[in-house]
């Protein structure tokens, strides 16, 4: 018992506090970050440690949970899905419980909150979080913006990644990783992660593409996924090898993503980009994307076990 509240860990959907935890997340989770708010499909367990703060009457007054699957464990960096409390006094015990559950498998934990929430950021910094970066969520209409699927620069060609093509999947991951290593906050992807995505409802057939250089080698990637909740497309990966930049490949991939989104019936396409990535911001703005929301990424070192 901590003051007038109790912090409980929830290890399964059948536990007494699970329903209240999920209801709380539905009601308040998207006030901070809607990306991974726990819902009815939430796994709980070791790969999704989850905690609830219970008030004197047993009602849930706060929630904390994180993602700690294989890719996060490999990077030793956990992604916090929710850390929210109606009473600020619950933040310290909730974060302490969550950090304790994560510390054996991760060195850091990070989360996103809207940049406008200055008081919340200050509260989190008091818990040991530090500012890492700002990311913009950007959106563009698909109608008319893409003018159909554009021509790729001369000598290059686009190849859709067949889910059964092991070599293409491995090449996609390799191109993505060697380019995203430059980006602050990036976690290295694995072949297993891409296969899991292909098996998920977010996968859009034809939405994974490799760009092949004139010599046939993979040199760029595009990942377009579906966001059925928003009825839109989400551009998750645009990567171009340094030796092939400045030739219009990135612009072609953006326009291809808009064209494929339009073909899929989406009225809008979204993407996320780090605020300091000025070249990408200029490209996206020139193709009709506008900032919808600014999100601050905060990270905390976890206690050593």
C-alpha atoms as a PDB file:
ATOM      1  CA  UNK A   1       0.000   0.000   0.000  1.00  0.00           C
ATOM      2  CA  UNK A   2       1.424   3.394  -1.003  1.00  0.00           C
ATOM      3  CA  UNK A   3      -0.470   6.221   0.667  1.00  0.00           C
ATOM      4  CA  UNK A   4      -4.109   5.879  -0.280  1.00  0.00           C
ATOM      5  CA  UNK A   5      -3.381   3.852  -3.396  1.00  0.00           C
ATOM      6  CA  UNK A   6      -2.222   0.395  -4.338  1.00  0.00           C
ATOM      7  CA  UNK A   7      -0.031  -0.451  -7.353  1.00  0.00           C
ATOM      8  CA  UNK A   8      -0.842  -3.856  -8.818  1.00  0.00           C
ATOM      9  CA  UNK A   9       0.746  -5.734 -11.687  1.00  0.00           C
ATOM     10  CA  UNK A  10      -1.671  -7.337 -14.144  1.00  0.00           C
ATOM     11  CA  UNK A  11      -0.346 -10.512 -15.744  1.00  0.00           C
ATOM     12  CA  UNK A  12      -3.427 -11.668 -17.642  1.00  0.00           C
ATOM     13  CA  UNK A  13      -6.732 -10.487 -19.064  1.00  0.00           C
ATOM     14  CA  UNK A  14      -8.591 -12.687 -16.578  1.00  0.00           C
ATOM     15  CA  UNK A  15      -7.270 -10.855 -13.519  1.00  0.00           C
ATOM     16  CA  UNK A  16      -9.591  -8.673 -11.462  1.00  0.00           C
ATOM     17  CA  UNK A  17      -7.971  -5.344 -12.343  1.00  0.00           C
ATOM     18  CA  UNK A  18      -7.584  -6.035 -16.076  1.00  0.00           C
ATOM     19  CA  UNK A  19     -10.996  -4.708 -17.084  1.00  0.00           C
ATOM     20  CA  UNK A  20     -10.555  -1.491 -15.148  1.00  0.00           C
ATOM     21  CA  UNK A  21      -7.036  -1.071 -16.545  1.00  0.00           C
ATOM     22  CA  UNK A  22      -8.265  -1.379 -20.144  1.00  0.00           C
ATOM     23  CA  UNK A  23     -11.229   0.928 -19.490  1.00  0.00           C
ATOM     24  CA  UNK A  24      -8.874   3.505 -18.011  1.00  0.00           C
ATOM     25  CA  UNK A  25      -6.548   3.253 -21.021  1.00  0.00           C
ATOM     26  CA  UNK A  26      -9.479   3.729 -23.409  1.00  0.00           C
ATOM     27  CA  UNK A  27     -10.639   6.792 -21.498  1.00  0.00           C
ATOM     28  CA  UNK A  28      -7.309   8.536 -20.939  1.00  0.00           C
ATOM     29  CA  UNK A  29      -4.488   6.883 -22.912  1.00  0.00           C
ATOM     30  CA  UNK A  30      -4.762   8.977 -26.035  1.00  0.00           C
ATOM     31  CA  UNK A  31      -4.407  12.212 -24.039  1.00  0.00           C
ATOM     32  CA  UNK A  32      -0.665  11.470 -24.238  1.00  0.00           C
ATOM     33  CA  UNK A  33       0.002   9.121 -27.153  1.00  0.00           C
ATOM     34  CA  UNK A  34      -2.545   7.086 -29.065  1.00  0.00           C
ATOM     35  CA  UNK A  35      -0.006   4.910 -30.903  1.00  0.00           C
ATOM     36  CA  UNK A  36      -0.023   1.840 -28.650  1.00  0.00           C
ATOM     37  CA  UNK A  37      -2.813   2.405 -26.137  1.00  0.00           C
ATOM     38  CA  UNK A  38      -3.673  -0.996 -24.585  1.00  0.00           C
ATOM     39  CA  UNK A  39      -6.996  -2.375 -25.806  1.00  0.00           C
ATOM     40  CA  UNK A  40      -8.860  -5.683 -25.709  1.00  0.00           C
ATOM     41  CA  UNK A  41      -6.057  -7.374 -27.639  1.00  0.00           C
ATOM     42  CA  UNK A  42      -3.388  -6.318 -25.147  1.00  0.00           C
ATOM     43  CA  UNK A  43      -1.154  -9.272 -24.268  1.00  0.00           C
ATOM     44  CA  UNK A  44      -0.086  -8.393 -20.693  1.00  0.00           C
ATOM     45  CA  UNK A  45       2.655 -10.835 -19.590  1.00  0.00           C
ATOM     46  CA  UNK A  46       6.441 -10.414 -19.730  1.00  0.00           C
ATOM     47  CA  UNK A  47       6.480  -8.727 -23.168  1.00  0.00           C
ATOM     48  CA  UNK A  48       3.866  -6.177 -22.104  1.00  0.00           C
ATOM     49  CA  UNK A  49       4.349  -5.462 -18.371  1.00  0.00           C
ATOM     50  CA  UNK A  50       1.246  -3.655 -17.136  1.00  0.00           C
ATOM     51  CA  UNK A  51       0.367  -1.921 -13.869  1.00  0.00           C
ATOM     52  CA  UNK A  52      -2.690  -0.187 -12.441  1.00  0.00           C
ATOM     53  CA  UNK A  53      -2.924   2.321  -9.600  1.00  0.00           C
ATOM     54  CA  UNK A  54      -5.987   1.579  -7.489  1.00  0.00           C
ATOM     55  CA  UNK A  55      -7.682   4.158  -5.306  1.00  0.00           C
ATOM     56  CA  UNK A  56      -9.155   3.452  -1.848  1.00  0.00           C
ATOM     57  CA  UNK A  57     -12.364   2.156  -3.439  1.00  0.00           C
ATOM     58  CA  UNK A  58     -10.477  -0.182  -5.784  1.00  0.00           C
ATOM     59  CA  UNK A  59     -11.112   1.930  -8.898  1.00  0.00           C
ATOM     60  CA  UNK A  60      -8.264   2.373 -11.378  1.00  0.00           C
ATOM     61  CA  UNK A  61      -6.826   5.888 -11.089  1.00  0.00           C
ATOM     62  CA  UNK A  62      -3.699   5.398 -13.201  1.00  0.00           C
ATOM     63  CA  UNK A  63      -2.084   3.003 -15.670  1.00  0.00           C
ATOM     64  CA  UNK A  64       1.406   2.133 -16.865  1.00  0.00           C
ATOM     65  CA  UNK A  65       2.443  -0.392 -19.507  1.00  0.00           C
ATOM     66  CA  UNK A  66       5.275  -0.948 -21.960  1.00  0.00           C
ATOM     67  CA  UNK A  67       6.243  -2.965 -25.012  1.00  0.00           C
ATOM     68  CA  UNK A  68       9.142  -5.345 -24.425  1.00  0.00           C
ATOM     69  CA  UNK A  69       9.007  -7.771 -27.347  1.00  0.00           C
ATOM     70  CA  UNK A  70      12.085  -9.243 -29.076  1.00  0.00           C
ATOM     71  CA  UNK A  71      13.028  -6.128 -31.080  1.00  0.00           C
ATOM     72  CA  UNK A  72      12.911  -3.944 -27.972  1.00  0.00           C
ATOM     73  CA  UNK A  73      14.894  -6.505 -25.981  1.00  0.00           C
ATOM     74  CA  UNK A  74      17.501  -6.678 -28.741  1.00  0.00           C
ATOM     75  CA  UNK A  75      17.895  -2.889 -28.577  1.00  0.00           C
ATOM     76  CA  UNK A  76      17.573  -2.932 -24.759  1.00  0.00           C
ATOM     77  CA  UNK A  77      15.155  -0.025 -25.116  1.00  0.00           C
ATOM     78  CA  UNK A  78      11.522  -0.428 -24.013  1.00  0.00           C
ATOM     79  CA  UNK A  79       8.666   1.547 -25.544  1.00  0.00           C
ATOM     80  CA  UNK A  80       6.182   2.837 -22.960  1.00  0.00           C
ATOM     81  CA  UNK A  81       2.648   2.473 -24.302  1.00  0.00           C
ATOM     82  CA  UNK A  82       0.901   4.338 -21.496  1.00  0.00           C
ATOM     83  CA  UNK A  83       1.939   6.203 -18.358  1.00  0.00           C
ATOM     84  CA  UNK A  84      -1.030   8.214 -17.182  1.00  0.00           C
ATOM     85  CA  UNK A  85      -2.589   9.099 -13.843  1.00  0.00           C
ATOM     86  CA  UNK A  86      -5.488  11.306 -12.828  1.00  0.00           C
ATOM     87  CA  UNK A  87      -3.632  12.113  -9.608  1.00  0.00           C
ATOM     88  CA  UNK A  88      -0.036  13.268 -10.174  1.00  0.00           C
ATOM     89  CA  UNK A  89       0.942  11.507  -6.935  1.00  0.00           C
ATOM     90  CA  UNK A  90       0.428   8.170  -8.710  1.00  0.00           C
ATOM     91  CA  UNK A  91       3.112   8.835 -11.334  1.00  0.00           C
ATOM     92  CA  UNK A  92       6.096   8.083  -9.091  1.00  0.00           C
ATOM     93  CA  UNK A  93       4.914   4.667  -7.803  1.00  0.00           C
ATOM     94  CA  UNK A  94       3.582   3.681 -11.248  1.00  0.00           C
ATOM     95  CA  UNK A  95       6.836   4.556 -13.009  1.00  0.00           C
ATOM     96  CA  UNK A  96       8.901   2.872 -10.293  1.00  0.00           C
ATOM     97  CA  UNK A  97       6.925  -0.347 -10.677  1.00  0.00           C
ATOM     98  CA  UNK A  98       7.184  -0.241 -14.470  1.00  0.00           C
ATOM     99  CA  UNK A  99      10.904   0.562 -14.436  1.00  0.00           C
ATOM    100  CA  UNK A 100      11.508  -2.336 -12.079  1.00  0.00           C
ATOM    101  CA  UNK A 101       9.735  -4.746 -14.428  1.00  0.00           C
ATOM    102  CA  UNK A 102      11.727  -3.503 -17.418  1.00  0.00           C
ATOM    103  CA  UNK A 103      15.191  -3.185 -15.925  1.00  0.00           C
ATOM    104  CA  UNK A 104      16.248  -6.821 -16.364  1.00  0.00           C
ATOM    105  CA  UNK A 105      15.773  -6.652 -20.150  1.00  0.00           C
ATOM    106  CA  UNK A 106      16.300  -2.980 -21.045  1.00  0.00           C
ATOM    107  CA  UNK A 107      18.630  -0.113 -20.236  1.00  0.00           C
ATOM    108  CA  UNK A 108      16.211   2.652 -21.229  1.00  0.00           C
ATOM    109  CA  UNK A 109      12.504   3.294 -21.585  1.00  0.00           C
ATOM    110  CA  UNK A 110      10.972   5.977 -23.758  1.00  0.00           C
ATOM    111  CA  UNK A 111       7.570   7.520 -24.418  1.00  0.00           C
ATOM    112  CA  UNK A 112       5.903  10.271 -26.425  1.00  0.00           C
ATOM    113  CA  UNK A 113       3.688  13.092 -25.196  1.00  0.00           C
ATOM    114  CA  UNK A 114       2.228  16.066 -27.089  1.00  0.00           C
ATOM    115  CA  UNK A 115       4.731  18.927 -27.121  1.00  0.00           C
ATOM    116  CA  UNK A 116       1.954  21.249 -25.900  1.00  0.00           C
ATOM    117  CA  UNK A 117       1.745  19.424 -22.537  1.00  0.00           C
ATOM    118  CA  UNK A 118       4.488  21.381 -20.787  1.00  0.00           C
ATOM    119  CA  UNK A 119       3.244  20.531 -17.277  1.00  0.00           C
ATOM    120  CA  UNK A 120       3.170  16.803 -18.069  1.00  0.00           C
ATOM    121  CA  UNK A 121       6.675  16.967 -19.495  1.00  0.00           C
ATOM    122  CA  UNK A 122       7.876  18.689 -16.317  1.00  0.00           C
ATOM    123  CA  UNK A 123       6.247  15.971 -14.200  1.00  0.00           C
ATOM    124  CA  UNK A 124       7.938  13.244 -16.232  1.00  0.00           C
ATOM    125  CA  UNK A 125      11.298  14.988 -16.041  1.00  0.00           C
ATOM    126  CA  UNK A 126      10.850  14.868 -12.276  1.00  0.00           C
ATOM    127  CA  UNK A 127      10.628  11.071 -12.615  1.00  0.00           C
ATOM    128  CA  UNK A 128      13.979  10.895 -14.408  1.00  0.00           C
ATOM    129  CA  UNK A 129      12.909  11.311 -18.032  1.00  0.00           C
ATOM    130  CA  UNK A 130      14.947  13.603 -20.268  1.00  0.00           C
ATOM    131  CA  UNK A 131      14.023  15.251 -23.558  1.00  0.00           C
ATOM    132  CA  UNK A 132      15.356  13.363 -26.571  1.00  0.00           C
ATOM    133  CA  UNK A 133      13.686  14.717 -29.703  1.00  0.00           C
ATOM    134  CA  UNK A 134      10.488  16.047 -31.244  1.00  0.00           C
ATOM    135  CA  UNK A 135       8.615  14.196 -33.973  1.00  0.00           C
ATOM    136  CA  UNK A 136       5.934  15.614 -36.230  1.00  0.00           C
ATOM    137  CA  UNK A 137       2.906  13.647 -37.308  1.00  0.00           C
ATOM    138  CA  UNK A 138       2.177  14.884 -40.832  1.00  0.00           C
ATOM    139  CA  UNK A 139      -0.767  14.301 -43.150  1.00  0.00           C
ATOM    140  CA  UNK A 140      -1.542  14.864 -46.819  1.00  0.00           C
ATOM    141  CA  UNK A 141      -4.659  14.301 -48.915  1.00  0.00           C
ATOM    142  CA  UNK A 142      -4.307  11.559 -51.503  1.00  0.00           C
ATOM    143  CA  UNK A 143      -6.755  12.994 -54.045  1.00  0.00           C
ATOM    144  CA  UNK A 144      -4.885  14.734 -56.843  1.00  0.00           C
ATOM    145  CA  UNK A 145      -1.682  15.035 -54.853  1.00  0.00           C
ATOM    146  CA  UNK A 146       0.037  12.033 -56.373  1.00  0.00           C
ATOM    147  CA  UNK A 147      -1.228  12.269 -59.961  1.00  0.00           C
ATOM    148  CA  UNK A 148      -1.253   8.485 -60.034  1.00  0.00           C
ATOM    149  CA  UNK A 149       1.782   6.240 -59.616  1.00  0.00           C
ATOM    150  CA  UNK A 150       4.768   8.283 -60.850  1.00  0.00           C
ATOM    151  CA  UNK A 151       7.635   7.185 -63.065  1.00  0.00           C
ATOM    152  CA  UNK A 152      10.774   6.141 -61.201  1.00  0.00           C
ATOM    153  CA  UNK A 153      14.087   7.847 -62.125  1.00  0.00           C
ATOM    154  CA  UNK A 154      15.747   6.438 -65.217  1.00  0.00           C
ATOM    155  CA  UNK A 155      17.643   3.198 -64.664  1.00  0.00           C
ATOM    156  CA  UNK A 156      15.852   2.342 -61.414  1.00  0.00           C
ATOM    157  CA  UNK A 157      12.833   0.150 -60.890  1.00  0.00           C
ATOM    158  CA  UNK A 158      10.387  -0.625 -58.096  1.00  0.00           C
ATOM    159  CA  UNK A 159       9.763  -4.177 -56.972  1.00  0.00           C
ATOM    160  CA  UNK A 160       6.901  -5.192 -54.695  1.00  0.00           C
ATOM    161  CA  UNK A 161       8.111  -7.432 -51.881  1.00  0.00           C
ATOM    162  CA  UNK A 162       6.421 -10.812 -52.115  1.00  0.00           C
ATOM    163  CA  UNK A 163       5.676 -12.175 -48.612  1.00  0.00           C
ATOM    164  CA  UNK A 164       7.083 -15.523 -49.768  1.00  0.00           C
ATOM    165  CA  UNK A 165      10.359 -13.999 -51.035  1.00  0.00           C
ATOM    166  CA  UNK A 166      12.847 -14.473 -48.199  1.00  0.00           C
ATOM    167  CA  UNK A 167      15.641 -12.670 -50.032  1.00  0.00           C
ATOM    168  CA  UNK A 168      13.511  -9.595 -50.728  1.00  0.00           C
ATOM    169  CA  UNK A 169      12.359  -9.417 -47.105  1.00  0.00           C
ATOM    170  CA  UNK A 170      15.962  -9.647 -45.884  1.00  0.00           C
ATOM    171  CA  UNK A 171      17.040  -6.981 -48.384  1.00  0.00           C
ATOM    172  CA  UNK A 172      14.220  -4.662 -47.281  1.00  0.00           C
ATOM    173  CA  UNK A 173      15.308  -4.941 -43.643  1.00  0.00           C
ATOM    174  CA  UNK A 174      18.972  -4.419 -44.527  1.00  0.00           C
ATOM    175  CA  UNK A 175      18.321  -1.257 -46.573  1.00  0.00           C
ATOM    176  CA  UNK A 176      16.016   0.113 -43.880  1.00  0.00           C
ATOM    177  CA  UNK A 177      18.519  -0.515 -41.090  1.00  0.00           C
ATOM    178  CA  UNK A 178      21.567   0.946 -42.775  1.00  0.00           C
ATOM    179  CA  UNK A 179      19.683   4.180 -43.424  1.00  0.00           C
ATOM    180  CA  UNK A 180      17.674   4.467 -40.214  1.00  0.00           C
ATOM    181  CA  UNK A 181      20.816   4.076 -38.115  1.00  0.00           C
ATOM    182  CA  UNK A 182      21.337   7.781 -38.869  1.00  0.00           C
ATOM    183  CA  UNK A 183      18.059   8.738 -37.223  1.00  0.00           C
ATOM    184  CA  UNK A 184      17.839   9.583 -33.544  1.00  0.00           C
ATOM    185  CA  UNK A 185      15.639   7.154 -31.635  1.00  0.00           C
ATOM    186  CA  UNK A 186      15.620   4.446 -34.292  1.00  0.00           C
ATOM    187  CA  UNK A 187      15.547   0.807 -33.189  1.00  0.00           C
ATOM    188  CA  UNK A 188      17.065  -1.766 -35.546  1.00  0.00           C
ATOM    189  CA  UNK A 189      14.428  -3.857 -37.306  1.00  0.00           C
ATOM    190  CA  UNK A 190      14.628  -7.620 -37.706  1.00  0.00           C
ATOM    191  CA  UNK A 191      13.372  -9.967 -40.404  1.00  0.00           C
ATOM    192  CA  UNK A 192      11.058 -11.457 -37.779  1.00  0.00           C
ATOM    193  CA  UNK A 193       9.544  -8.021 -37.161  1.00  0.00           C
ATOM    194  CA  UNK A 194       8.749  -7.529 -40.837  1.00  0.00           C
ATOM    195  CA  UNK A 195       7.203 -10.980 -41.059  1.00  0.00           C
ATOM    196  CA  UNK A 196       5.038 -10.196 -38.028  1.00  0.00           C
ATOM    197  CA  UNK A 197       3.914  -6.986 -39.724  1.00  0.00           C
ATOM    198  CA  UNK A 198       3.017  -8.892 -42.906  1.00  0.00           C
ATOM    199  CA  UNK A 199       0.821 -11.181 -40.798  1.00  0.00           C
ATOM    200  CA  UNK A 200      -0.901  -8.228 -39.079  1.00  0.00           C
ATOM    201  CA  UNK A 201      -4.112  -6.377 -40.061  1.00  0.00           C
ATOM    202  CA  UNK A 202      -2.018  -3.274 -40.823  1.00  0.00           C
ATOM    203  CA  UNK A 203      -0.317  -4.982 -43.788  1.00  0.00           C
ATOM    204  CA  UNK A 204      -1.439  -3.586 -47.145  1.00  0.00           C
ATOM    205  CA  UNK A 205      -0.774  -6.001 -50.040  1.00  0.00           C
ATOM    206  CA  UNK A 206       1.629  -4.304 -52.444  1.00  0.00           C
ATOM    207  CA  UNK A 207       2.612  -1.744 -49.813  1.00  0.00           C
ATOM    208  CA  UNK A 208       6.158  -3.033 -49.298  1.00  0.00           C
ATOM    209  CA  UNK A 209       8.459  -1.967 -52.132  1.00  0.00           C
ATOM    210  CA  UNK A 210      12.165  -2.154 -52.892  1.00  0.00           C
ATOM    211  CA  UNK A 211      13.841   0.240 -55.310  1.00  0.00           C
ATOM    212  CA  UNK A 212      16.521  -1.489 -57.377  1.00  0.00           C
ATOM    213  CA  UNK A 213      19.510   0.446 -58.691  1.00  0.00           C
ATOM    214  CA  UNK A 214      20.640   0.172 -62.330  1.00  0.00           C
ATOM    215  CA  UNK A 215      22.966  -2.682 -61.304  1.00  0.00           C
ATOM    216  CA  UNK A 216      20.015  -4.539 -59.731  1.00  0.00           C
ATOM    217  CA  UNK A 217      21.024  -4.005 -56.108  1.00  0.00           C
ATOM    218  CA  UNK A 218      18.390  -2.884 -53.551  1.00  0.00           C
ATOM    219  CA  UNK A 219      18.943   0.779 -52.700  1.00  0.00           C
ATOM    220  CA  UNK A 220      15.682   2.170 -51.262  1.00  0.00           C
ATOM    221  CA  UNK A 221      12.513   1.076 -49.493  1.00  0.00           C
ATOM    222  CA  UNK A 222       8.893   2.102 -49.055  1.00  0.00           C
ATOM    223  CA  UNK A 223       6.511   0.692 -46.472  1.00  0.00           C
ATOM    224  CA  UNK A 224       2.886   1.749 -46.668  1.00  0.00           C
ATOM    225  CA  UNK A 225       0.452   0.297 -44.165  1.00  0.00           C
ATOM    226  CA  UNK A 226      -3.235   0.618 -43.481  1.00  0.00           C
ATOM    227  CA  UNK A 227      -4.678   2.421 -40.489  1.00  0.00           C
ATOM    228  CA  UNK A 228      -8.248   1.157 -40.480  1.00  0.00           C
ATOM    229  CA  UNK A 229      -9.088   3.114 -37.336  1.00  0.00           C
ATOM    230  CA  UNK A 230      -8.355   6.359 -39.174  1.00  0.00           C
ATOM    231  CA  UNK A 231      -9.326   5.057 -42.615  1.00  0.00           C
ATOM    232  CA  UNK A 232      -5.989   6.214 -43.958  1.00  0.00           C
ATOM    233  CA  UNK A 233      -2.600   5.072 -45.132  1.00  0.00           C
ATOM    234  CA  UNK A 234       0.501   5.353 -42.968  1.00  0.00           C
ATOM    235  CA  UNK A 235       3.943   5.686 -44.526  1.00  0.00           C
ATOM    236  CA  UNK A 236       6.176   3.831 -42.120  1.00  0.00           C
ATOM    237  CA  UNK A 237       9.481   3.542 -43.988  1.00  0.00           C
ATOM    238  CA  UNK A 238      11.059   5.634 -46.709  1.00  0.00           C
ATOM    239  CA  UNK A 239      14.792   4.957 -46.893  1.00  0.00           C
ATOM    240  CA  UNK A 240      17.278   5.756 -49.666  1.00  0.00           C
ATOM    241  CA  UNK A 241      20.931   4.731 -49.632  1.00  0.00           C
ATOM    242  CA  UNK A 242      23.292   7.701 -49.463  1.00  0.00           C
ATOM    243  CA  UNK A 243      24.915   6.908 -52.828  1.00  0.00           C
ATOM    244  CA  UNK A 244      21.527   7.134 -54.539  1.00  0.00           C
ATOM    245  CA  UNK A 245      20.212  10.323 -52.943  1.00  0.00           C
ATOM    246  CA  UNK A 246      19.668  13.516 -54.896  1.00  0.00           C
ATOM    247  CA  UNK A 247      18.208  11.674 -57.904  1.00  0.00           C
ATOM    248  CA  UNK A 248      14.519  12.024 -57.080  1.00  0.00           C
ATOM    249  CA  UNK A 249      14.068   8.565 -55.559  1.00  0.00           C
ATOM    250  CA  UNK A 250      12.671   9.796 -52.240  1.00  0.00           C
ATOM    251  CA  UNK A 251      10.184  12.090 -54.000  1.00  0.00           C
ATOM    252  CA  UNK A 252       9.141   9.218 -56.256  1.00  0.00           C
ATOM    253  CA  UNK A 253       8.563   7.013 -53.201  1.00  0.00           C
ATOM    254  CA  UNK A 254       6.455   9.678 -51.467  1.00  0.00           C
ATOM    255  CA  UNK A 255       4.305  10.101 -54.573  1.00  0.00           C
ATOM    256  CA  UNK A 256       4.064   6.340 -54.963  1.00  0.00           C
ATOM    257  CA  UNK A 257       2.820   6.066 -51.377  1.00  0.00           C
ATOM    258  CA  UNK A 258       0.167   8.719 -52.040  1.00  0.00           C
ATOM    259  CA  UNK A 259      -0.875   6.987 -55.251  1.00  0.00           C
ATOM    260  CA  UNK A 260      -1.136   3.573 -53.585  1.00  0.00           C
ATOM    261  CA  UNK A 261      -3.100   5.145 -50.722  1.00  0.00           C
ATOM    262  CA  UNK A 262      -5.544   6.624 -53.210  1.00  0.00           C
ATOM    263  CA  UNK A 263      -5.886   3.267 -55.002  1.00  0.00           C
ATOM    264  CA  UNK A 264      -6.649   1.628 -51.636  1.00  0.00           C
ATOM    265  CA  UNK A 265      -9.480   4.113 -51.071  1.00  0.00           C
ATOM    266  CA  UNK A 266      -7.731   6.222 -48.420  1.00  0.00           C
ATOM    267  CA  UNK A 267      -8.451   9.942 -48.458  1.00  0.00           C
ATOM    268  CA  UNK A 268      -5.358  10.798 -46.421  1.00  0.00           C
ATOM    269  CA  UNK A 269      -1.873   9.477 -45.772  1.00  0.00           C
ATOM    270  CA  UNK A 270       0.149  10.078 -42.619  1.00  0.00           C
ATOM    271  CA  UNK A 271       3.793   9.794 -41.653  1.00  0.00           C
ATOM    272  CA  UNK A 272       6.080  10.665 -38.754  1.00  0.00           C
ATOM    273  CA  UNK A 273       9.368  12.528 -39.074  1.00  0.00           C
ATOM    274  CA  UNK A 274      11.934  13.852 -36.615  1.00  0.00           C
ATOM    275  CA  UNK A 275      11.829  17.639 -36.362  1.00  0.00           C
ATOM    276  CA  UNK A 276      15.587  17.955 -36.938  1.00  0.00           C
ATOM    277  CA  UNK A 277      15.382  16.026 -40.244  1.00  0.00           C
ATOM    278  CA  UNK A 278      15.177  19.196 -42.309  1.00  0.00           C
ATOM    279  CA  UNK A 279      15.698  17.553 -45.707  1.00  0.00           C
ATOM    280  CA  UNK A 280      12.806  15.156 -45.148  1.00  0.00           C
ATOM    281  CA  UNK A 281      10.580  17.950 -43.824  1.00  0.00           C
ATOM    282  CA  UNK A 282      11.207  20.065 -46.932  1.00  0.00           C
ATOM    283  CA  UNK A 283      10.384  17.109 -49.180  1.00  0.00           C
ATOM    284  CA  UNK A 284       7.180  16.186 -47.349  1.00  0.00           C
ATOM    285  CA  UNK A 285       5.941  19.779 -47.190  1.00  0.00           C
ATOM    286  CA  UNK A 286       6.592  20.216 -50.908  1.00  0.00           C
ATOM    287  CA  UNK A 287       4.431  17.128 -51.552  1.00  0.00           C
ATOM    288  CA  UNK A 288       1.455  18.504 -49.607  1.00  0.00           C
ATOM    289  CA  UNK A 289       2.120  17.159 -46.109  1.00  0.00           C
ATOM    290  CA  UNK A 290       1.340  19.423 -43.163  1.00  0.00           C
ATOM    291  CA  UNK A 291       2.085  19.051 -39.453  1.00  0.00           C
ATOM    292  CA  UNK A 292      -0.871  17.657 -37.513  1.00  0.00           C
ATOM    293  CA  UNK A 293       0.786  17.203 -34.146  1.00  0.00           C
ATOM    294  CA  UNK A 294       4.179  17.682 -32.509  1.00  0.00           C
ATOM    295  CA  UNK A 295       5.205  14.932 -30.089  1.00  0.00           C
ATOM    296  CA  UNK A 296       8.124  15.074 -27.654  1.00  0.00           C
ATOM    297  CA  UNK A 297      10.065  11.879 -27.051  1.00  0.00           C
ATOM    298  CA  UNK A 298      11.300  11.523 -23.462  1.00  0.00           C
ATOM    299  CA  UNK A 299      13.664   8.762 -22.339  1.00  0.00           C
ATOM    300  CA  UNK A 300      14.741   7.494 -18.925  1.00  0.00           C
ATOM    301  CA  UNK A 301      17.655   5.317 -17.841  1.00  0.00           C
ATOM    302  CA  UNK A 302      16.429   2.262 -15.980  1.00  0.00           C
ATOM    303  CA  UNK A 303      17.860   1.083 -12.655  1.00  0.00           C
ATOM    304  CA  UNK A 304      20.488  -1.638 -12.911  1.00  0.00           C
ATOM    305  CA  UNK A 305      19.677  -5.007 -11.432  1.00  0.00           C
END
